[in-house]
Amino acid sequence: MEHFVFTQMSFVRSQTLKILDGVTEDMADQVPEGFRNTIRWNLGHIYVVLERFAFQYLGLPLQMPEGFKEHFENGTSPLNRHDSVTVPSLQELEVLLNGQIDRIREALQHRLDEELAQPYTTSLGMTLATPQQFLSFSLYHEGMHVSVIKLYKAILSRS
């Protein structure tokens, strides 16, 4: 039987991907007034953070396309874009996001309770010490960004 965290991650990711309906490449790159990021940035950021949470802290290889850290890591913004690195299309982001959960399930399904040598404390002050804790916290993180994407979509649809 599949562990509940993978069931929840698959559900959340399917909701994230549904939000892409009706989002154009142009809309994905617009920064709503008063904000500093875009729909594309939020999608890339979701991917980058989960990739780090699932693999980096266990010392496993990350599947991080060129330029993702520069474009989508914490503290980055399209307002400070690095023109030397190509930004992925929505289709490329969708493919990456779509395959990420299965890769994580394959790598971590038997390691969920493994204690990390060095626990990680998030910027919000939550300490994570096992893969299960990282994956569970990622649901909160992705949900926050899905909410922002919904907001941006609503604002940009009115423009």
Protein backbone atom coordinates (compact mmCIF):
# COMPACT_ATOMS: atom_id res chain seq x y z
CA MET A 1 0.00 0.00 0.00
CA GLU A 2 1.28 3.45 -0.89
CA HIS A 3 2.32 5.76 1.93
CA PHE A 4 -0.18 8.57 2.52
CA VAL A 5 2.42 11.28 1.89
CA PHE A 6 2.81 10.15 -1.74
CA THR A 7 -0.98 10.05 -2.21
CA GLN A 8 -1.22 13.60 -0.87
CA MET A 9 1.71 14.80 -2.98
CA SER A 10 0.12 13.36 -6.13
CA PHE A 11 -3.19 15.03 -5.30
CA VAL A 12 -1.60 18.41 -4.59
CA ARG A 13 0.53 18.24 -7.74
CA SER A 14 -2.54 17.41 -9.86
CA GLN A 15 -4.20 20.54 -8.47
CA THR A 16 -1.10 22.59 -9.28
CA LEU A 17 -1.11 21.34 -12.87
CA LYS A 18 -4.87 22.02 -13.28
CA ILE A 19 -4.21 25.69 -12.56
CA LEU A 20 -2.22 25.90 -15.79
CA ASP A 21 -5.45 25.65 -17.81
CA GLY A 22 -5.88 28.95 -19.61
CA VAL A 23 -2.44 30.30 -18.69
CA THR A 24 -0.59 31.57 -21.77
CA GLU A 25 3.16 32.04 -22.10
CA ASP A 26 2.56 35.81 -22.02
CA MET A 27 0.39 35.65 -18.89
CA ALA A 28 2.95 33.39 -17.20
CA ASP A 29 5.56 36.17 -17.45
CA GLN A 30 3.54 39.13 -16.22
CA VAL A 31 4.32 40.49 -12.76
CA PRO A 32 1.08 41.81 -11.26
CA GLU A 33 1.37 45.34 -9.90
CA GLY A 34 2.63 45.34 -6.32
CA PHE A 35 4.21 41.88 -6.60
CA ARG A 36 7.70 40.68 -7.56
CA ASN A 37 7.14 37.30 -9.20
CA THR A 38 5.18 35.61 -11.96
CA ILE A 39 3.14 32.47 -12.50
CA ARG A 40 6.16 30.92 -14.26
CA TRP A 41 8.43 31.81 -11.31
CA ASN A 42 6.02 30.22 -8.81
CA LEU A 43 5.86 26.99 -10.85
CA GLY A 44 9.63 26.82 -11.18
CA HIS A 45 10.05 27.63 -7.49
CA ILE A 46 7.70 24.79 -6.49
CA TYR A 47 9.85 22.42 -8.55
CA VAL A 48 13.19 23.67 -7.20
CA VAL A 49 12.19 23.58 -3.54
CA LEU A 50 10.69 20.09 -3.71
CA GLU A 51 13.73 18.86 -5.61
CA ARG A 52 15.98 20.15 -2.82
CA PHE A 53 13.69 18.82 -0.07
CA ALA A 54 13.45 15.35 -1.60
CA PHE A 55 17.02 14.82 -2.76
CA GLN A 56 19.62 17.36 -1.67
CA TYR A 57 19.47 16.84 2.08
CA LEU A 58 19.84 13.07 1.62
CA GLY A 59 22.84 13.56 -0.64
CA LEU A 60 20.97 12.21 -3.68
CA PRO A 61 21.38 13.67 -7.18
CA LEU A 62 18.98 16.42 -8.15
CA GLN A 63 17.34 16.73 -11.55
CA MET A 64 17.88 20.48 -11.84
CA PRO A 65 17.86 21.88 -15.38
CA GLU A 66 20.39 24.57 -16.20
CA GLY A 67 19.37 27.98 -14.92
CA PHE A 68 16.71 26.79 -12.47
CA LYS A 69 18.67 27.84 -9.38
CA GLU A 70 19.34 31.28 -10.88
CA HIS A 71 15.69 31.79 -11.87
CA PHE A 72 13.62 30.02 -9.21
CA GLU A 73 15.56 29.72 -5.94
CA ASN A 74 14.49 31.54 -2.77
CA GLY A 75 15.09 35.28 -3.08
CA THR A 76 15.14 35.34 -6.88
CA SER A 77 12.71 37.32 -9.02
CA PRO A 78 12.02 37.77 -12.73
CA LEU A 79 12.57 41.46 -12.02
CA ASN A 80 16.28 40.55 -11.59
CA ARG A 81 16.41 38.02 -14.45
CA HIS A 82 19.67 36.53 -15.68
CA ASP A 83 19.36 36.93 -19.45
CA SER A 84 22.20 34.49 -20.09
CA VAL A 85 20.04 31.54 -19.01
CA THR A 86 16.95 30.45 -20.94
CA VAL A 87 13.68 30.42 -19.05
CA PRO A 88 11.71 27.16 -19.49
CA SER A 89 8.42 27.18 -21.38
CA LEU A 90 5.20 26.35 -19.56
CA GLN A 91 5.20 22.99 -21.34
CA GLU A 92 8.73 22.24 -20.09
CA LEU A 93 7.73 23.18 -16.54
CA GLU A 94 4.61 21.04 -16.80
CA VAL A 95 6.63 17.99 -17.92
CA LEU A 96 9.11 18.45 -15.06
CA LEU A 97 6.38 18.98 -12.46
CA ASN A 98 4.40 16.05 -13.81
CA GLY A 99 7.29 13.57 -13.46
CA GLN A 100 8.73 14.83 -10.18
CA ILE A 101 6.41 13.01 -7.76
CA ASP A 102 7.03 9.59 -9.35
CA ARG A 103 10.82 10.13 -9.17
CA ILE A 104 10.51 11.06 -5.50
CA ARG A 105 8.32 8.05 -4.74
CA GLU A 106 10.84 5.73 -6.42
CA ALA A 107 13.80 7.19 -4.53
CA LEU A 108 12.25 7.63 -1.10
CA GLN A 109 9.46 5.11 -0.59
CA HIS A 110 11.67 2.97 1.66
CA ARG A 111 13.58 5.84 3.27
CA LEU A 112 10.82 8.04 4.69
CA ASP A 113 11.80 7.60 8.34
CA GLU A 114 15.57 7.81 7.81
CA GLU A 115 17.15 10.36 10.16
CA LEU A 116 19.28 12.98 8.44
CA ALA A 117 22.74 13.54 9.86
CA GLN A 118 22.08 17.28 9.77
CA PRO A 119 18.44 18.40 10.29
CA TYR A 120 17.33 21.45 8.28
CA THR A 121 15.44 24.44 9.65
CA THR A 122 13.23 26.26 7.16
CA SER A 123 13.04 30.05 6.87
CA LEU A 124 9.78 29.79 8.86
CA GLY A 125 11.57 28.06 11.75
CA MET A 126 10.35 24.49 11.17
CA THR A 127 13.04 21.85 11.71
CA LEU A 128 12.92 18.86 9.36
CA ALA A 129 14.88 15.70 10.13
CA THR A 130 13.45 12.90 7.96
CA PRO A 131 12.37 12.63 4.30
CA GLN A 132 8.77 12.22 5.45
CA GLN A 133 8.97 15.52 7.34
CA PHE A 134 10.45 17.27 4.28
CA LEU A 135 7.77 15.87 1.98
CA SER A 136 4.97 16.70 4.39
CA PHE A 137 6.21 20.29 4.75
CA SER A 138 6.46 20.56 0.96
CA LEU A 139 2.66 20.18 0.78
CA TYR A 140 2.30 23.40 2.78
CA HIS A 141 4.89 25.12 0.58
CA GLU A 142 3.27 24.07 -2.68
CA GLY A 143 -0.18 25.02 -1.40
CA MET A 144 1.03 28.54 -0.58
CA HIS A 145 2.38 28.98 -4.10
CA VAL A 146 -0.73 27.49 -5.72
CA SER A 147 -2.76 30.11 -3.87
CA VAL A 148 -0.47 32.84 -5.22
CA ILE A 149 -0.79 31.46 -8.77
CA LYS A 150 -4.61 31.53 -8.43
CA LEU A 151 -4.42 35.12 -7.24
CA TYR A 152 -2.10 36.16 -10.10
CA LYS A 153 -4.34 34.40 -12.61
CA ALA A 154 -7.39 36.28 -11.33
CA ILE A 155 -5.59 39.64 -11.34
CA LEU A 156 -4.10 39.12 -14.81
CA SER A 157 -7.39 37.93 -16.28
CA ARG A 158 -8.95 41.29 -15.35
CA SER A 159 -6.23 43.29 -17.09
